[in-house]
Protein backbone atom coordinates (compact mmCIF):
# COMPACT_ATOMS: atom_id res chain seq x y z
CA MET A 1 84.59 13.43 10.04
CA ARG A 2 84.68 17.16 10.81
CA ILE A 3 81.74 16.84 13.24
CA PHE A 4 83.39 13.85 14.89
CA GLY A 5 86.63 15.79 15.29
CA ARG A 6 84.80 18.74 16.83
CA GLY A 7 83.03 16.45 19.30
CA LYS A 8 86.29 14.87 20.31
CA ARG A 9 87.92 18.27 20.89
CA TYR A 10 84.86 19.41 22.86
CA HIS A 11 85.03 16.42 25.22
CA SER A 12 88.79 16.85 25.59
CA ARG A 13 88.27 20.48 26.54
CA LEU A 14 85.57 19.61 29.06
CA LEU A 15 87.85 17.00 30.63
CA ALA A 16 90.68 19.53 30.90
CA TYR A 17 88.37 22.07 32.60
CA PHE A 18 86.99 19.43 34.97
CA MET A 19 90.44 18.20 36.01
CA ALA A 20 91.70 21.75 36.59
CA PHE A 21 88.61 22.68 38.62
CA SER A 22 88.85 19.50 40.71
CA VAL A 23 92.51 20.05 41.60
CA VAL A 24 91.88 23.70 42.53
CA PHE A 25 88.86 22.70 44.62
CA ILE A 26 90.81 20.01 46.52
CA THR A 27 93.69 22.42 47.09
CA ILE A 28 91.37 25.07 48.55
CA SER A 29 89.73 22.42 50.74
CA MET A 30 93.14 21.35 52.08
CA VAL A 31 93.90 24.97 52.96
CA ASN A 32 90.57 25.22 54.80
CA TYR A 33 91.19 21.94 56.70
CA PRO A 34 94.96 21.83 57.28
CA LYS A 35 94.88 19.64 60.42
CA GLU A 36 92.74 16.94 58.81
CA ALA A 37 94.95 16.95 55.70
CA PHE A 38 98.10 16.69 57.80
CA ASP A 39 96.75 13.85 59.97
CA SER A 40 95.60 11.83 56.96
CA ALA A 41 98.98 12.37 55.26
CA ILE A 42 100.76 11.05 58.35
CA MET A 43 98.46 8.02 58.36
CA GLY A 44 99.27 7.30 54.71
CA LEU A 45 102.99 7.79 55.34
CA ASN A 46 102.94 5.33 58.26
CA LEU A 47 101.15 2.74 56.14
CA TRP A 48 103.73 3.10 53.37
CA TRP A 49 106.79 3.11 55.65
CA THR A 50 105.80 0.27 58.00
CA VAL A 51 104.06 -2.10 55.57
CA VAL A 52 104.45 -1.32 51.85
CA PHE A 53 108.12 -0.28 51.75
CA PRO A 54 109.70 -3.29 53.51
CA SER A 55 107.31 -5.86 52.04
CA LEU A 56 107.52 -4.88 48.35
CA LEU A 57 111.00 -3.39 47.86
CA PRO A 58 112.92 -6.73 48.09
CA PHE A 59 110.67 -8.29 45.45
CA PHE A 60 110.94 -5.27 43.14
CA ILE A 61 114.73 -5.60 43.27
CA LEU A 62 114.66 -9.38 42.78
CA SER A 63 112.30 -9.14 39.80
CA GLU A 64 114.70 -6.66 38.12
CA LEU A 65 117.64 -8.99 38.79
CA LEU A 66 115.80 -12.05 37.48
CA MET A 67 114.94 -10.21 34.30
CA GLY A 68 118.49 -8.96 33.77
CA LEU A 69 119.97 -12.40 34.34
CA GLY A 70 117.62 -14.05 31.83
CA VAL A 71 115.74 -16.17 34.37
CA VAL A 72 112.42 -14.64 33.33
CA HIS A 73 113.17 -15.55 29.70
CA PHE A 74 113.91 -19.12 30.84
CA ILE A 75 110.56 -19.30 32.66
CA GLY A 76 108.81 -17.76 29.65
CA ILE A 77 109.87 -20.59 27.31
CA LEU A 78 108.84 -23.25 29.84
CA LEU A 79 105.41 -21.71 30.40
CA GLU A 80 104.52 -20.73 26.83
CA PRO A 81 102.51 -23.97 26.27
CA LEU A 82 100.29 -23.07 29.24
CA MET A 83 99.92 -19.29 29.03
CA ARG A 84 99.42 -18.90 25.26
CA PRO A 85 96.37 -21.18 24.76
CA VAL A 86 94.66 -20.18 28.03
CA PHE A 87 95.29 -16.42 28.30
CA ASN A 88 96.79 -15.59 24.88
CA VAL A 89 99.91 -14.05 26.48
CA PRO A 90 103.56 -15.13 26.25
CA GLY A 91 105.00 -17.57 28.77
CA VAL A 92 106.74 -14.80 30.73
CA GLY A 93 103.26 -13.73 31.79
CA ALA A 94 103.30 -16.60 34.30
CA PHE A 95 106.09 -14.81 36.16
CA ALA A 96 103.94 -11.70 36.51
CA LEU A 97 100.96 -13.87 37.46
CA SER A 98 102.80 -15.78 40.21
CA MET A 99 104.52 -12.68 41.62
CA GLY A 100 101.23 -10.78 41.55
CA LEU A 101 99.33 -13.59 43.25
CA ALA A 102 101.89 -13.92 46.02
CA SER A 103 103.01 -10.31 46.54
CA GLY A 104 99.82 -8.41 45.73
CA TYR A 105 99.30 -4.88 44.36
CA PRO A 106 101.03 -3.38 42.39
CA MET A 107 103.75 -5.99 41.80
CA ASP A 108 102.18 -7.22 38.57
CA ALA A 109 102.12 -3.70 37.12
CA VAL A 110 105.83 -3.24 37.77
CA ILE A 111 106.68 -6.57 36.10
CA THR A 112 104.30 -6.06 33.16
CA GLY A 113 105.72 -2.59 32.56
CA ASN A 114 109.24 -4.06 32.55
CA PHE A 115 108.14 -6.76 30.11
CA ARG A 116 106.86 -4.14 27.72
CA LYS A 117 110.00 -1.99 28.02
CA ASN A 118 112.17 -5.05 27.34
CA ARG A 119 109.90 -6.12 24.43
CA LEU A 120 109.01 -9.44 26.03
CA CYS A 121 105.39 -8.82 25.07
CA THR A 122 103.40 -6.56 22.77
CA ALA A 123 101.24 -3.67 23.99
CA VAL A 124 98.01 -5.64 23.62
CA GLU A 125 99.51 -8.65 25.43
CA ALA A 126 100.56 -6.34 28.26
CA GLU A 127 96.97 -5.06 28.47
CA ARG A 128 95.66 -8.63 28.64
CA LEU A 129 98.23 -9.54 31.28
CA LEU A 130 97.50 -6.51 33.43
CA SER A 131 93.76 -7.20 33.30
CA PHE A 132 93.96 -10.40 35.36
CA THR A 133 97.29 -10.41 37.23
CA ASN A 134 96.40 -7.41 39.40
CA THR A 135 95.42 -9.39 42.51
CA ALA A 136 95.58 -9.09 46.28
CA ASP A 137 98.07 -11.24 48.14
CA PRO A 138 96.81 -14.23 50.19
CA LEU A 139 98.21 -12.92 53.49
CA PHE A 140 96.06 -9.81 53.14
CA MET A 141 92.90 -11.85 52.50
CA PHE A 142 93.58 -14.53 55.12
CA GLY A 143 95.24 -12.41 57.78
CA ALA A 144 94.12 -8.80 57.47
CA VAL A 145 90.56 -9.33 56.15
CA ALA A 146 89.35 -12.75 57.35
CA VAL A 147 91.05 -12.79 60.77
CA GLY A 148 91.87 -9.17 61.53
CA MET A 149 88.69 -7.52 60.24
CA PHE A 150 86.00 -10.25 60.27
CA GLY A 151 87.44 -12.38 63.08
CA MET A 152 86.61 -15.54 61.08
CA PRO A 153 89.64 -17.43 59.69
CA GLU A 154 87.38 -19.74 57.67
CA LEU A 155 86.28 -16.80 55.51
CA GLY A 156 89.81 -16.46 54.17
CA ALA A 157 89.50 -19.50 51.92
CA VAL A 158 86.18 -18.31 50.47
CA ILE A 159 87.41 -14.78 49.78
CA ALA A 160 90.72 -15.97 48.31
CA LEU A 161 89.18 -18.66 46.10
CA ALA A 162 86.52 -16.25 44.79
CA HIS A 163 89.20 -13.62 44.17
CA TYR A 164 91.56 -15.90 42.23
CA LEU A 165 88.90 -17.80 40.28
CA SER A 166 87.31 -14.57 39.13
CA SER A 167 90.75 -13.24 38.20
CA PHE A 168 91.45 -16.28 36.00
CA LEU A 169 88.03 -15.92 34.39
CA VAL A 170 88.85 -12.29 33.57
CA GLY A 171 92.07 -13.50 31.95
CA ILE A 172 90.18 -16.01 29.83
CA VAL A 173 87.68 -13.35 28.74
CA PHE A 174 90.48 -10.90 27.92
CA ARG A 175 92.31 -13.42 25.75
CA PHE A 176 90.02 -12.13 22.98
CA HIS A 177 90.88 -8.48 23.68
CA GLY A 178 92.66 -6.72 20.82
CA ARG A 179 93.09 -9.78 18.62
CA LYS A 180 93.31 -7.60 15.51
CA ARG A 181 96.45 -6.03 16.98
CA ASP A 182 98.20 -9.38 17.55
CA ASP A 183 101.48 -10.03 15.81
CA TYR A 184 103.19 -13.35 16.47
CA THR A 185 105.87 -13.10 13.79
CA ASN A 186 108.63 -12.38 16.29
CA GLU A 187 107.47 -14.87 18.88
CA THR A 188 106.99 -18.06 16.96
CA LYS A 189 110.29 -18.45 15.13
CA ILE A 190 111.37 -21.39 17.30
CA VAL A 191 108.56 -23.66 18.39
CA LYS A 192 110.13 -27.08 17.86
CA GLY A 193 112.70 -29.05 19.82
CA ASN A 194 113.37 -29.81 23.45
CA ILE A 195 111.65 -27.21 25.61
CA LEU A 196 114.33 -27.32 28.32
CA LEU A 197 117.14 -26.73 25.83
CA ARG A 198 115.24 -23.81 24.31
CA ALA A 199 114.69 -22.37 27.78
CA PHE A 200 118.42 -22.50 28.61
CA ARG A 201 119.28 -20.97 25.24
CA ALA A 202 116.84 -18.14 25.90
CA LEU A 203 118.41 -17.51 29.34
CA TYR A 204 121.93 -17.31 27.88
CA ALA A 205 120.86 -15.15 24.95
CA ALA A 206 119.06 -12.69 27.26
CA LYS A 207 122.12 -12.37 29.52
CA GLN A 208 124.39 -11.82 26.54
CA GLU A 209 122.07 -9.17 25.15
CA ASP A 210 121.86 -7.31 28.48
CA LYS A 211 125.68 -6.82 28.68
CA ARG A 212 125.61 -5.29 32.18
CA SER A 213 127.98 -6.53 34.86
CA MET A 214 126.50 -7.97 38.04
CA GLY A 215 127.43 -4.83 39.96
CA GLN A 216 125.81 -2.53 37.43
CA LEU A 217 122.72 -4.75 37.24
CA LEU A 218 122.36 -4.73 41.02
CA GLY A 219 122.77 -0.94 41.16
CA ASP A 220 120.20 -0.37 38.42
CA SER A 221 117.78 -2.77 40.11
CA VAL A 222 117.99 -0.94 43.43
CA LYS A 223 117.71 2.49 41.77
CA ASN A 224 114.68 1.56 39.63
CA SER A 225 112.98 -0.22 42.54
CA MET A 226 113.47 2.77 44.85
CA ASN A 227 111.95 5.10 42.25
CA THR A 228 108.93 2.82 41.96
CA ILE A 229 108.44 2.40 45.71
CA LEU A 230 108.67 6.18 46.24
CA LEU A 231 106.06 6.67 43.53
CA ILE A 232 103.74 4.22 45.27
CA GLY A 233 104.27 6.00 48.58
CA GLY A 234 103.29 9.31 47.05
CA PHE A 235 100.04 7.86 45.74
CA ILE A 236 99.18 6.28 49.10
CA ILE A 237 99.67 9.61 50.90
CA LEU A 238 97.82 11.57 48.21
CA PHE A 239 94.75 9.32 48.26
CA SER A 240 94.72 9.21 52.06
CA VAL A 241 94.41 13.02 52.08
CA PHE A 242 92.05 13.01 49.10
CA LEU A 243 89.59 10.60 50.73
CA ARG A 244 89.62 12.53 53.99
CA ILE A 245 88.88 15.85 52.24
CA LEU A 246 86.04 14.29 50.23
CA SER A 247 84.56 12.98 53.47
CA ILE A 248 84.72 16.39 55.15
CA ILE A 249 83.10 18.34 52.30
CA GLY A 250 80.30 15.78 51.89
CA ILE A 251 81.15 14.21 48.51
CA THR A 252 81.25 10.76 50.07
CA ASP A 253 77.67 11.22 51.32
CA ILE A 254 76.51 11.78 47.74
CA LEU A 255 78.37 8.68 46.57
CA ALA A 256 76.90 6.71 49.48
CA THR A 257 73.39 7.60 48.29
CA VAL A 258 74.20 6.31 44.80
CA PHE A 259 75.64 3.05 46.14
CA ALA A 260 72.69 2.64 48.51
CA GLY A 261 70.37 2.71 45.51
CA LEU A 262 72.43 0.07 43.70
CA LEU A 263 72.51 -2.15 46.78
CA GLY A 264 68.75 -1.82 47.15
CA LEU A 265 68.27 -3.04 43.57
CA ILE A 266 70.00 -6.37 44.36
CA GLY A 267 68.33 -6.76 47.74
CA PHE A 268 71.35 -5.93 49.92
CA THR A 269 71.23 -3.71 53.00
CA THR A 270 72.01 -0.05 52.33
CA ASN A 271 74.21 0.00 55.46
CA LEU A 272 77.04 -1.28 53.26
CA ALA A 273 77.02 1.82 51.03
CA PRO A 274 79.71 3.68 53.08
CA ALA A 275 81.96 0.64 52.76
CA LEU A 276 81.63 0.73 48.96
CA VAL A 277 82.43 4.45 48.96
CA SER A 278 85.61 3.86 50.98
CA GLY A 279 86.48 0.85 48.81
CA LEU A 280 86.02 2.90 45.66
CA PHE A 281 89.10 4.88 46.71
CA GLU A 282 91.12 2.62 49.06
CA ILE A 283 91.01 -1.16 49.51
CA ASP A 284 92.02 -1.41 53.19
CA LEU A 285 89.55 1.21 54.44
CA GLY A 286 86.76 -0.29 52.32
CA ALA A 287 87.30 -3.87 53.51
CA LEU A 288 87.44 -2.69 57.13
CA ALA A 289 84.20 -0.70 56.74
CA ALA A 290 82.48 -3.72 55.16
CA SER A 291 83.45 -5.97 58.10
CA GLN A 292 82.10 -3.45 60.62
CA ALA A 293 78.83 -2.63 58.81
CA ASP A 294 75.44 -3.70 60.08
CA GLY A 295 74.37 -6.53 57.77
CA SER A 296 74.37 -10.28 57.24
CA LEU A 297 77.65 -12.16 56.96
CA LEU A 298 76.88 -13.07 53.34
CA GLU A 299 76.32 -9.45 52.30
CA LYS A 300 79.40 -8.17 54.14
CA THR A 301 81.61 -10.88 52.62
CA VAL A 302 80.30 -10.20 49.11
CA VAL A 303 80.95 -6.46 49.45
CA ALA A 304 84.44 -7.17 50.82
CA SER A 305 85.12 -9.40 47.79
CA ILE A 306 83.94 -6.64 45.45
CA ILE A 307 86.23 -4.10 47.13
CA ILE A 308 89.26 -6.42 47.08
CA ALA A 309 88.73 -7.25 43.39
CA TRP A 310 88.21 -3.59 42.46
CA SER A 311 91.31 -2.69 44.56
CA GLY A 312 90.56 1.04 44.79
CA LEU A 313 91.45 4.16 42.83
CA SER A 314 94.60 4.50 44.93
CA VAL A 315 95.96 1.26 43.48
CA HIS A 316 94.74 2.24 40.00
CA GLY A 317 96.70 5.48 40.29
CA GLN A 318 99.83 3.54 41.25
CA VAL A 319 99.36 1.18 38.31
CA ALA A 320 98.81 4.06 35.88
CA SER A 321 101.95 5.85 37.01
CA ILE A 322 103.99 2.66 36.57
CA VAL A 323 102.74 1.44 33.17
CA ILE A 324 101.79 4.64 31.34
CA GLU A 325 105.33 5.16 29.99
CA SER A 326 105.25 1.64 28.52
CA GLY A 327 102.39 2.49 26.16
CA ILE A 328 99.88 0.32 28.05
CA ARG A 329 96.36 1.77 27.97
CA MET A 330 94.46 2.02 31.24
CA PHE A 331 90.92 1.63 29.87
CA PRO A 332 91.17 -2.18 29.36
CA TYR A 333 92.66 -2.44 32.84
CA MET A 334 89.72 -0.53 34.39
CA VAL A 335 87.22 -2.72 32.52
CA GLY A 336 89.06 -5.77 33.84
CA ARG A 337 88.83 -4.49 37.41
CA LEU A 338 85.09 -3.91 37.08
CA LEU A 339 84.55 -7.37 35.57
CA HIS A 340 86.73 -8.89 38.30
CA ALA A 341 84.57 -7.26 40.99
CA ILE A 342 81.32 -8.54 39.46
CA LEU A 343 82.62 -12.10 39.02
CA ALA A 344 84.12 -12.13 42.52
CA ALA A 345 80.72 -11.18 43.98
CA ILE A 346 78.93 -13.96 42.07
CA ILE A 347 81.47 -16.63 43.04
CA THR A 348 81.47 -15.49 46.68
CA ILE A 349 77.67 -15.87 46.84
CA PHE A 350 77.97 -19.35 45.32
CA LEU A 351 80.67 -20.43 47.79
CA MET A 352 78.91 -18.96 50.83
CA LYS A 353 75.62 -20.67 49.97
CA SER A 354 77.20 -24.04 49.09
CA SER A 355 78.89 -26.75 51.10
CA PHE A 356 82.29 -25.89 49.59
CA MET A 357 83.30 -23.54 52.42
CA ASN A 358 85.28 -26.09 54.42
CA ALA A 359 86.59 -27.82 51.29
CA THR A 360 87.99 -24.58 49.87
CA GLN A 361 89.76 -23.92 53.16
CA LEU A 362 91.40 -27.34 53.09
CA PHE A 363 92.47 -26.84 49.47
CA ILE A 364 93.83 -23.30 49.63
CA LEU A 365 95.56 -23.17 53.02
CA PRO A 366 98.34 -25.69 52.22
CA VAL A 367 99.17 -23.89 48.96
CA LEU A 368 99.03 -20.26 50.02
CA LEU A 369 100.56 -20.53 53.48
CA THR A 370 103.94 -21.88 54.46
CA PRO A 371 104.25 -25.03 56.60
CA ASN A 372 103.54 -24.44 60.29
CA SER A 373 102.29 -20.90 59.62
CA THR A 374 98.96 -19.30 60.42
CA PRO A 375 96.93 -16.66 58.60
CA VAL A 376 98.01 -14.09 61.22
CA SER A 377 101.76 -14.63 60.92
CA SER A 378 104.11 -11.91 62.09
CA PHE A 379 105.39 -9.40 59.59
CA LEU A 380 108.94 -10.72 59.99
CA THR A 381 107.99 -13.97 58.23
CA ARG A 382 106.28 -12.26 55.29
CA ILE A 383 109.21 -12.50 52.86
CA GLU A 384 109.64 -16.19 53.70
CA GLN A 385 105.95 -16.86 53.09
CA VAL A 386 105.76 -14.91 49.84
CA SER A 387 108.87 -16.66 48.53
CA TYR A 388 107.28 -20.01 49.35
CA GLN A 389 104.06 -19.03 47.60
CA ILE A 390 105.91 -17.89 44.46
CA LEU A 391 107.90 -21.14 44.32
CA VAL A 392 104.78 -23.27 44.77
CA LEU A 393 102.77 -21.39 42.13
CA LEU A 394 105.61 -21.38 39.60
CA SER A 395 106.31 -25.08 40.22
CA ILE A 396 102.67 -26.00 39.63
CA MET A 397 102.47 -23.91 36.45
CA ILE A 398 105.78 -25.23 35.08
CA ALA A 399 104.68 -28.82 35.73
CA LEU A 400 101.38 -28.21 33.92
CA SER A 401 103.11 -26.45 31.04
CA ILE A 402 105.67 -29.22 30.52
CA ALA A 403 102.88 -31.82 30.68
CA ILE A 404 100.96 -29.92 27.98
CA HIS A 405 104.12 -29.71 25.86
CA ILE A 406 104.77 -33.47 26.19
CA ILE A 407 101.17 -34.31 25.30
CA ARG A 408 101.35 -32.05 22.23
CA GLU A 409 104.63 -33.62 21.10
CA LEU A 410 103.23 -37.15 21.55
CA TYR A 411 100.05 -36.23 19.71
CA GLY A 412 102.06 -34.75 16.82
CA TYR A 413 104.29 -37.84 16.69
CA ILE A 414 101.30 -40.22 16.65
CA ARG A 415 99.58 -38.22 13.90
CA LYS A 416 102.75 -38.21 11.85
CA LYS A 417 103.13 -41.98 12.23
CA SER A 418 99.51 -42.61 11.31
CA TYR A 419 100.03 -40.84 7.97
């Protein structure tokens, strides 16, 4: 035990030295290259102000309002029959799943962190939920990647289907994560009776427990959402500068050599190594580099899928800053991202080499895009499209959950009659 304790302290000390040295080194590099640091900071600021701020802030505020009004509790009761057996998370997890699928990074982290703070899930359930709800939004995959970067709208369905299928598979795998830490005593007190009545009771009870007036709830929602969006902006600017400095001092070249060796092992062109380096840190830059690399369409699409599933250290930093106060560990989340990237690559290869390419497009487009819209819709219609996607996804999941509940009730009634 004493040796183990010494080893732990030794590694902790090494980590502290490494982090301190790294920050000092980056700071000195920024002083040596002030123009490059300033230009990259402006680029990150423009990205945050023109895209992230207006697209995510309304949904951050609405999610806070829905939670304070008890609507999330209502949805949680309705979706418990679906989410518990499949992903081993409470029904409210479907709200984080649908909002994450439609709105993209880091919406799911904000909602999961709020669930944990409001004790709607345990710490281990929050870790499970975060492992598979951290997904890119469909407009990014269809519009920005497939059309804007690759110039091939038909790729959008393949990338999106591979991304979401692999995400669900990660959720199924992670249902076994931390089972020794599970405690259902507070969640399974009421499991009988009409599911709709229980859902309405849960909504009313949550509103009564909150005790805030509508004005106070709205003010708190705006204040908390602004704090979160400012935090995200800081991380976007920081990683924009960080990636630029690493490129100037040659660190990215070393990483590119490592990734080139890994790509060579699986028979892919080493020209895609710079794209993986960019994607390691930032999703948009990585996906763009993959689309512009010299390689086959299959290889470029697979690498783009890996980058989108991984989501980049910039997003991971945002997620960590949001959930760390809730007692949610980041290690399971990072393992989930790595597993998501591997599964997304495998499924992308399968879809690209099969005859499902056109079929997946026909299946996904009507669900993920609004009527009469295209993958390259204007930014002004984004809120309308995301709202539509959330409603569609929640409606499908609620219908499935209620169907499962009815089948269970009928099965229990038939068994009872047979005895």
